[in-house]
Amino acid sequence: MSKGTPSFGKHNKKTHIRCRRCGRHSYHKQKRSCSACGYPNAKRYKMAWKWKPINRAGRKFIKPKHQKRKTARINRHPSTRR
């Protein structure tokens, strides 16, 4: 079988499904592990090159002083939830 057009007809299986911990579409069915958060491992999977999503995921990484200002801003202007 050639590796051109006929082979692409066989690319119709889902390898990844939605992860129950992080909710992203990155849980590998055959490997039984999530490539985004590392589920079912107890420790969360994180790398230095993907620090932005990790910081965005939870508020515990924000310094308390900044957190107070951010919460106050959200309470004043509910439309700017960022």
PDB file of N, CA and C in Angstrom:
ATOM      1  N   MET A   1       0.840  -1.183   0.000  1.00  0.00           N
ATOM      2  CA  MET A   1       0.000   0.000   0.000  1.00  0.00           C
ATOM      3  C   MET A   1       0.885   1.246   0.000  1.00  0.00           C
ATOM      4  N   SER A   2       0.484   2.208  -0.803  1.00  0.00           N
ATOM      5  CA  SER A   2       1.260   3.445  -0.861  1.00  0.00           C
ATOM      6  C   SER A   2       0.949   4.316   0.355  1.00  0.00           C
ATOM      7  N   LYS A   3       1.791   5.296   0.578  1.00  0.00           N
ATOM      8  CA  LYS A   3       1.565   6.155   1.741  1.00  0.00           C
ATOM      9  C   LYS A   3       0.896   7.474   1.371  1.00  0.00           C
ATOM     10  N   GLY A   4       0.299   7.535   0.205  1.00  0.00           N
ATOM     11  CA  GLY A   4      -0.358   8.758  -0.253  1.00  0.00           C
ATOM     12  C   GLY A   4      -1.840   8.782   0.069  1.00  0.00           C
ATOM     13  N   THR A   5      -2.642   9.171  -0.921  1.00  0.00           N
ATOM     14  CA  THR A   5      -4.080   9.377  -0.754  1.00  0.00           C
ATOM     15  C   THR A   5      -4.827   8.149  -0.220  1.00  0.00           C
ATOM     16  N   PRO A   6      -4.575   6.919  -0.706  1.00  0.00           N
ATOM     17  CA  PRO A   6      -5.333   5.772  -0.189  1.00  0.00           C
ATOM     18  C   PRO A   6      -5.148   5.547   1.312  1.00  0.00           C
ATOM     19  N   SER A   7      -3.980   5.876   1.820  1.00  0.00           N
ATOM     20  CA  SER A   7      -3.712   5.656   3.241  1.00  0.00           C
ATOM     21  C   SER A   7      -4.523   6.591   4.133  1.00  0.00           C
ATOM     22  N   PHE A   8      -4.851   7.766   3.645  1.00  0.00           N
ATOM     23  CA  PHE A   8      -5.553   8.738   4.475  1.00  0.00           C
ATOM     24  C   PHE A   8      -6.996   8.327   4.753  1.00  0.00           C
ATOM     25  N   GLY A   9      -7.516   7.363   3.994  1.00  0.00           N
ATOM     26  CA  GLY A   9      -8.855   6.862   4.260  1.00  0.00           C
ATOM     27  C   GLY A   9      -8.929   6.074   5.557  1.00  0.00           C
ATOM     28  N   LYS A  10      -7.791   5.599   6.036  1.00  0.00           N
ATOM     29  CA  LYS A  10      -7.753   4.797   7.255  1.00  0.00           C
ATOM     30  C   LYS A  10      -7.599   5.656   8.508  1.00  0.00           C
ATOM     31  N   HIS A  11      -7.519   6.956   8.352  1.00  0.00           N
ATOM     32  CA  HIS A  11      -7.319   7.858   9.490  1.00  0.00           C
ATOM     33  C   HIS A  11      -8.661   8.294  10.067  1.00  0.00           C
ATOM     34  N   ASN A  12      -9.488   7.370  10.482  1.00  0.00           N
ATOM     35  CA  ASN A  12     -10.810   7.747  10.960  1.00  0.00           C
ATOM     36  C   ASN A  12     -11.114   7.227  12.361  1.00  0.00           C
ATOM     37  N   LYS A  13     -10.073   6.864  13.118  1.00  0.00           N
ATOM     38  CA  LYS A  13     -10.268   6.413  14.495  1.00  0.00           C
ATOM     39  C   LYS A  13      -9.899   7.539  15.452  1.00  0.00           C
ATOM     40  N   LYS A  14     -10.606   7.603  16.569  1.00  0.00           N
ATOM     41  CA  LYS A  14     -10.285   8.605  17.584  1.00  0.00           C
ATOM     42  C   LYS A  14      -9.221   8.035  18.510  1.00  0.00           C
ATOM     43  N   THR A  15      -8.086   8.699  18.598  1.00  0.00           N
ATOM     44  CA  THR A  15      -7.055   8.261  19.532  1.00  0.00           C
ATOM     45  C   THR A  15      -7.242   8.942  20.879  1.00  0.00           C
ATOM     46  N   HIS A  16      -7.716  10.186  20.866  1.00  0.00           N
ATOM     47  CA  HIS A  16      -7.880  10.953  22.100  1.00  0.00           C
ATOM     48  C   HIS A  16      -9.357  11.223  22.379  1.00  0.00           C
ATOM     49  N   ILE A  17      -9.692  11.217  23.676  1.00  0.00           N
ATOM     50  CA  ILE A  17     -11.036  11.599  24.117  1.00  0.00           C
ATOM     51  C   ILE A  17     -10.889  12.677  25.188  1.00  0.00           C
ATOM     52  N   ARG A  18     -12.004  13.194  25.687  1.00  0.00           N
ATOM     53  CA  ARG A  18     -11.967  14.271  26.677  1.00  0.00           C
ATOM     54  C   ARG A  18     -11.475  13.739  28.024  1.00  0.00           C
ATOM     55  N   CYS A  19     -10.567  14.479  28.652  1.00  0.00           N
ATOM     56  CA  CYS A  19     -10.009  14.092  29.952  1.00  0.00           C
ATOM     57  C   CYS A  19     -10.976  14.495  31.060  1.00  0.00           C
ATOM     58  N   ARG A  20     -11.140  13.627  32.050  1.00  0.00           N
ATOM     59  CA  ARG A  20     -12.099  13.938  33.108  1.00  0.00           C
ATOM     60  C   ARG A  20     -11.522  14.883  34.161  1.00  0.00           C
ATOM     61  N   ARG A  21     -10.186  15.070  34.208  1.00  0.00           N
ATOM     62  CA  ARG A  21      -9.617  16.004  35.176  1.00  0.00           C
ATOM     63  C   ARG A  21      -9.493  17.410  34.601  1.00  0.00           C
ATOM     64  N   CYS A  22      -8.875  17.546  33.431  1.00  0.00           N
ATOM     65  CA  CYS A  22      -8.658  18.895  32.890  1.00  0.00           C
ATOM     66  C   CYS A  22      -9.716  19.293  31.874  1.00  0.00           C
ATOM     67  N   GLY A  23     -10.461  18.324  31.337  1.00  0.00           N
ATOM     68  CA  GLY A  23     -11.524  18.635  30.396  1.00  0.00           C
ATOM     69  C   GLY A  23     -11.059  18.846  28.964  1.00  0.00           C
ATOM     70  N   ARG A  24      -9.774  18.696  28.711  1.00  0.00           N
ATOM     71  CA  ARG A  24      -9.267  18.894  27.356  1.00  0.00           C
ATOM     72  C   ARG A  24      -9.353  17.592  26.566  1.00  0.00           C
ATOM     73  N   HIS A  25      -9.311  17.699  25.265  1.00  0.00           N
ATOM     74  CA  HIS A  25      -9.467  16.551  24.370  1.00  0.00           C
ATOM     75  C   HIS A  25      -8.113  15.895  24.166  1.00  0.00           C
ATOM     76  N   SER A  26      -7.472  15.439  25.256  1.00  0.00           N
ATOM     77  CA  SER A  26      -6.106  14.939  25.147  1.00  0.00           C
ATOM     78  C   SER A  26      -5.859  13.671  25.961  1.00  0.00           C
ATOM     79  N   TYR A  27      -6.908  12.956  26.327  1.00  0.00           N
ATOM     80  CA  TYR A  27      -6.753  11.681  27.026  1.00  0.00           C
ATOM     81  C   TYR A  27      -6.601  10.581  25.980  1.00  0.00           C
ATOM     82  N   HIS A  28      -5.455   9.917  25.957  1.00  0.00           N
ATOM     83  CA  HIS A  28      -5.170   8.871  24.976  1.00  0.00           C
ATOM     84  C   HIS A  28      -5.840   7.577  25.428  1.00  0.00           C
ATOM     85  N   LYS A  29      -6.730   7.050  24.591  1.00  0.00           N
ATOM     86  CA  LYS A  29      -7.513   5.877  24.990  1.00  0.00           C
ATOM     87  C   LYS A  29      -6.634   4.645  25.184  1.00  0.00           C
ATOM     88  N   GLN A  30      -5.682   4.437  24.282  1.00  0.00           N
ATOM     89  CA  GLN A  30      -4.871   3.229  24.345  1.00  0.00           C
ATOM     90  C   GLN A  30      -3.823   3.311  25.459  1.00  0.00           C
ATOM     91  N   LYS A  31      -3.185   4.466  25.602  1.00  0.00           N
ATOM     92  CA  LYS A  31      -2.174   4.646  26.649  1.00  0.00           C
ATOM     93  C   LYS A  31      -2.802   4.852  28.019  1.00  0.00           C
ATOM     94  N   ARG A  32      -4.076   5.260  28.049  1.00  0.00           N
ATOM     95  CA  ARG A  32      -4.816   5.567  29.272  1.00  0.00           C
ATOM     96  C   ARG A  32      -4.129   6.660  30.087  1.00  0.00           C
ATOM     97  N   SER A  33      -3.727   7.727  29.410  1.00  0.00           N
ATOM     98  CA  SER A  33      -3.143   8.865  30.119  1.00  0.00           C
ATOM     99  C   SER A  33      -3.423  10.143  29.343  1.00  0.00           C
ATOM    100  N   CYS A  34      -3.493  11.243  30.077  1.00  0.00           N
ATOM    101  CA  CYS A  34      -3.771  12.537  29.462  1.00  0.00           C
ATOM    102  C   CYS A  34      -2.453  13.230  29.154  1.00  0.00           C
ATOM    103  N   SER A  35      -2.328  13.750  27.955  1.00  0.00           N
ATOM    104  CA  SER A  35      -1.082  14.410  27.569  1.00  0.00           C
ATOM    105  C   SER A  35      -1.025  15.839  28.089  1.00  0.00           C
ATOM    106  N   ALA A  36      -2.157  16.402  28.522  1.00  0.00           N
ATOM    107  CA  ALA A  36      -2.170  17.780  29.003  1.00  0.00           C
ATOM    108  C   ALA A  36      -1.918  17.868  30.505  1.00  0.00           C
ATOM    109  N   CYS A  37      -2.570  16.999  31.293  1.00  0.00           N
ATOM    110  CA  CYS A  37      -2.443  17.129  32.751  1.00  0.00           C
ATOM    111  C   CYS A  37      -1.805  15.909  33.407  1.00  0.00           C
ATOM    112  N   GLY A  38      -1.620  14.812  32.667  1.00  0.00           N
ATOM    113  CA  GLY A  38      -0.959  13.643  33.225  1.00  0.00           C
ATOM    114  C   GLY A  38      -1.878  12.683  33.960  1.00  0.00           C
ATOM    115  N   TYR A  39      -3.194  12.910  33.914  1.00  0.00           N
ATOM    116  CA  TYR A  39      -4.145  12.012  34.572  1.00  0.00           C
ATOM    117  C   TYR A  39      -3.928  10.603  34.046  1.00  0.00           C
ATOM    118  N   PRO A  40      -3.903   9.558  34.847  1.00  0.00           N
ATOM    119  CA  PRO A  40      -4.317   9.380  36.232  1.00  0.00           C
ATOM    120  C   PRO A  40      -3.223   9.556  37.275  1.00  0.00           C
ATOM    121  N   ASN A  41      -2.072  10.093  36.933  1.00  0.00           N
ATOM    122  CA  ASN A  41      -1.038  10.351  37.939  1.00  0.00           C
ATOM    123  C   ASN A  41      -1.536  11.372  38.951  1.00  0.00           C
ATOM    124  N   ALA A  42      -1.109  11.224  40.190  1.00  0.00           N
ATOM    125  CA  ALA A  42      -1.552  12.143  41.241  1.00  0.00           C
ATOM    126  C   ALA A  42      -0.968  13.536  41.017  1.00  0.00           C
ATOM    127  N   LYS A  43       0.301  13.582  40.561  1.00  0.00           N
ATOM    128  CA  LYS A  43       0.937  14.880  40.297  1.00  0.00           C
ATOM    129  C   LYS A  43       0.488  15.399  38.942  1.00  0.00           C
ATOM    130  N   ARG A  44       0.271  16.676  38.875  1.00  0.00           N
ATOM    131  CA  ARG A  44      -0.177  17.287  37.634  1.00  0.00           C
ATOM    132  C   ARG A  44       1.019  17.461  36.694  1.00  0.00           C
ATOM    133  N   TYR A  45       0.839  17.148  35.421  1.00  0.00           N
ATOM    134  CA  TYR A  45       1.899  17.238  34.421  1.00  0.00           C
ATOM    135  C   TYR A  45       2.129  18.694  34.062  1.00  0.00           C
ATOM    136  N   LYS A  46       3.353  19.182  34.236  1.00  0.00           N
ATOM    137  CA  LYS A  46       3.645  20.554  33.824  1.00  0.00           C
ATOM    138  C   LYS A  46       5.079  20.654  33.337  1.00  0.00           C
ATOM    139  N   MET A  47       5.275  21.492  32.352  1.00  0.00           N
ATOM    140  CA  MET A  47       6.591  21.717  31.770  1.00  0.00           C
ATOM    141  C   MET A  47       6.887  23.206  31.782  1.00  0.00           C
ATOM    142  N   ALA A  48       8.166  23.548  31.700  1.00  0.00           N
ATOM    143  CA  ALA A  48       8.559  24.954  31.750  1.00  0.00           C
ATOM    144  C   ALA A  48       8.054  25.720  30.541  1.00  0.00           C
ATOM    145  N   TRP A  49       7.933  25.027  29.383  1.00  0.00           N
ATOM    146  CA  TRP A  49       7.525  25.732  28.171  1.00  0.00           C
ATOM    147  C   TRP A  49       6.029  25.969  28.122  1.00  0.00           C
ATOM    148  N   LYS A  50       5.248  25.372  29.027  1.00  0.00           N
ATOM    149  CA  LYS A  50       3.807  25.648  29.017  1.00  0.00           C
ATOM    150  C   LYS A  50       3.358  26.256  30.343  1.00  0.00           C
ATOM    151  N   TRP A  51       4.071  27.271  30.819  1.00  0.00           N
ATOM    152  CA  TRP A  51       3.743  27.902  32.104  1.00  0.00           C
ATOM    153  C   TRP A  51       2.519  28.789  32.017  1.00  0.00           C
ATOM    154  N   LYS A  52       2.212  29.332  30.834  1.00  0.00           N
ATOM    155  CA  LYS A  52       1.044  30.221  30.713  1.00  0.00           C
ATOM    156  C   LYS A  52      -0.263  29.494  31.037  1.00  0.00           C
ATOM    157  N   PRO A  53      -0.537  28.332  30.415  1.00  0.00           N
ATOM    158  CA  PRO A  53      -1.785  27.645  30.753  1.00  0.00           C
ATOM    159  C   PRO A  53      -1.844  27.209  32.207  1.00  0.00           C
ATOM    160  N   ILE A  54      -0.692  26.868  32.789  1.00  0.00           N
ATOM    161  CA  ILE A  54      -0.672  26.445  34.189  1.00  0.00           C
ATOM    162  C   ILE A  54      -1.077  27.613  35.075  1.00  0.00           C
ATOM    163  N   ASN A  55      -0.533  28.808  34.786  1.00  0.00           N
ATOM    164  CA  ASN A  55      -0.882  29.984  35.573  1.00  0.00           C
ATOM    165  C   ASN A  55      -2.332  30.369  35.368  1.00  0.00           C
ATOM    166  N   ARG A  56      -2.835  30.179  34.161  1.00  0.00           N
ATOM    167  CA  ARG A  56      -4.207  30.542  33.859  1.00  0.00           C
ATOM    168  C   ARG A  56      -5.186  29.586  34.529  1.00  0.00           C
ATOM    169  N   ALA A  57      -4.740  28.350  34.758  1.00  0.00           N
ATOM    170  CA  ALA A  57      -5.645  27.319  35.264  1.00  0.00           C
ATOM    171  C   ALA A  57      -6.132  27.617  36.677  1.00  0.00           C
ATOM    172  N   GLY A  58      -5.263  28.112  37.543  1.00  0.00           N
ATOM    173  CA  GLY A  58      -5.668  28.332  38.927  1.00  0.00           C
ATOM    174  C   GLY A  58      -5.183  29.652  39.459  1.00  0.00           C
ATOM    175  N   ARG A  59      -5.817  30.116  40.509  1.00  0.00           N
ATOM    176  CA  ARG A  59      -5.450  31.398  41.098  1.00  0.00           C
ATOM    177  C   ARG A  59      -4.340  31.250  42.128  1.00  0.00           C
ATOM    178  N   LYS A  60      -3.994  30.029  42.518  1.00  0.00           N
ATOM    179  CA  LYS A  60      -3.020  29.850  43.589  1.00  0.00           C
ATOM    180  C   LYS A  60      -1.606  30.265  43.192  1.00  0.00           C
ATOM    181  N   PHE A  61      -1.360  30.465  41.892  1.00  0.00           N
ATOM    182  CA  PHE A  61      -0.027  30.851  41.453  1.00  0.00           C
ATOM    183  C   PHE A  61       0.162  32.370  41.460  1.00  0.00           C
ATOM    184  N   ILE A  62      -0.924  33.126  41.650  1.00  0.00           N
ATOM    185  CA  ILE A  62      -0.846  34.587  41.646  1.00  0.00           C
ATOM    186  C   ILE A  62      -0.466  35.067  43.037  1.00  0.00           C
ATOM    187  N   LYS A  63       0.380  36.086  43.111  1.00  0.00           N
ATOM    188  CA  LYS A  63       0.771  36.629  44.404  1.00  0.00           C
ATOM    189  C   LYS A  63      -0.445  37.251  45.091  1.00  0.00           C
ATOM    190  N   PRO A  64      -0.545  37.144  46.426  1.00  0.00           N
ATOM    191  CA  PRO A  64      -1.745  37.593  47.142  1.00  0.00           C
ATOM    192  C   PRO A  64      -2.109  39.053  46.908  1.00  0.00           C
ATOM    193  N   LYS A  65      -1.096  39.934  46.833  1.00  0.00           N
ATOM    194  CA  LYS A  65      -1.386  41.357  46.658  1.00  0.00           C
ATOM    195  C   LYS A  65      -2.067  41.594  45.304  1.00  0.00           C
ATOM    196  N   HIS A  66      -1.530  40.965  44.279  1.00  0.00           N
ATOM    197  CA  HIS A  66      -2.106  41.101  42.942  1.00  0.00           C
ATOM    198  C   HIS A  66      -3.488  40.445  42.891  1.00  0.00           C
ATOM    199  N   GLN A  67      -3.638  39.331  43.611  1.00  0.00           N
ATOM    200  CA  GLN A  67      -4.924  38.624  43.631  1.00  0.00           C
ATOM    201  C   GLN A  67      -6.024  39.518  44.201  1.00  0.00           C
ATOM    202  N   LYS A  68      -5.697  40.277  45.264  1.00  0.00           N
ATOM    203  CA  LYS A  68      -6.688  41.169  45.880  1.00  0.00           C
ATOM    204  C   LYS A  68      -7.137  42.231  44.887  1.00  0.00           C
ATOM    205  N   ARG A  69      -6.162  42.811  44.166  1.00  0.00           N
ATOM    206  CA  ARG A  69      -6.503  43.847  43.183  1.00  0.00           C
ATOM    207  C   ARG A  69      -7.325  43.268  42.045  1.00  0.00           C
ATOM    208  N   LYS A  70      -6.958  42.062  41.602  1.00  0.00           N
ATOM    209  CA  LYS A  70      -7.665  41.437  40.490  1.00  0.00           C
ATOM    210  C   LYS A  70      -9.109  41.109  40.878  1.00  0.00           C
ATOM    211  N   THR A  71      -9.296  40.582  42.085  1.00  0.00           N
ATOM    212  CA  THR A  71     -10.641  40.260  42.560  1.00  0.00           C
ATOM    213  C   THR A  71     -11.484  41.514  42.677  1.00  0.00           C
ATOM    214  N   ALA A  72     -10.887  42.593  43.190  1.00  0.00           N
ATOM    215  CA  ALA A  72     -11.618  43.859  43.336  1.00  0.00           C
ATOM    216  C   ALA A  72     -12.045  44.381  41.970  1.00  0.00           C
ATOM    217  N   ARG A  73     -11.156  44.267  40.978  1.00  0.00           N
ATOM    218  CA  ARG A  73     -11.478  44.747  39.640  1.00  0.00           C
ATOM    219  C   ARG A  73     -12.619  43.929  39.024  1.00  0.00           C
ATOM    220  N   ILE A  74     -12.585  42.632  39.248  1.00  0.00           N
ATOM    221  CA  ILE A  74     -13.647  41.766  38.721  1.00  0.00           C
ATOM    222  C   ILE A  74     -14.979  42.107  39.372  1.00  0.00           C
ATOM    223  N   ASN A  75     -14.953  42.378  40.670  1.00  0.00           N
ATOM    224  CA  ASN A  75     -16.192  42.716  41.374  1.00  0.00           C
ATOM    225  C   ASN A  75     -16.748  44.060  40.916  1.00  0.00           C
ATOM    226  N   ARG A  76     -15.862  45.004  40.596  1.00  0.00           N
ATOM    227  CA  ARG A  76     -16.316  46.320  40.126  1.00  0.00           C
ATOM    228  C   ARG A  76     -16.890  46.238  38.724  1.00  0.00           C
ATOM    229  N   HIS A  77     -16.199  45.485  37.853  1.00  0.00           N
ATOM    230  CA  HIS A  77     -16.602  45.392  36.444  1.00  0.00           C
ATOM    231  C   HIS A  77     -16.773  43.918  36.067  1.00  0.00           C
ATOM    232  N   PRO A  78     -17.941  43.346  36.296  1.00  0.00           N
ATOM    233  CA  PRO A  78     -18.133  41.915  36.018  1.00  0.00           C
ATOM    234  C   PRO A  78     -17.958  41.533  34.549  1.00  0.00           C
ATOM    235  N   SER A  79     -18.079  42.501  33.641  1.00  0.00           N
ATOM    236  CA  SER A  79     -17.955  42.170  32.215  1.00  0.00           C
ATOM    237  C   SER A  79     -16.510  41.868  31.819  1.00  0.00           C
ATOM    238  N   THR A  80     -15.524  42.326  32.602  1.00  0.00           N
ATOM    239  CA  THR A  80     -14.107  42.110  32.260  1.00  0.00           C
ATOM    240  C   THR A  80     -13.536  40.965  33.083  1.00  0.00           C
ATOM    241  N   ARG A  81     -14.033  39.778  32.897  1.00  0.00           N
ATOM    242  CA  ARG A  81     -13.541  38.618  33.656  1.00  0.00           C
ATOM    243  C   ARG A  81     -12.358  38.001  32.922  1.00  0.00           C
ATOM    244  N   ARG A  82     -11.143  38.435  33.275  1.00  0.00           N
ATOM    245  CA  ARG A  82      -9.931  37.884  32.668  1.00  0.00           C
ATOM    246  C   ARG A  82      -8.927  37.562  33.725  1.00  0.00           C
TER     247      ARG A  82
END
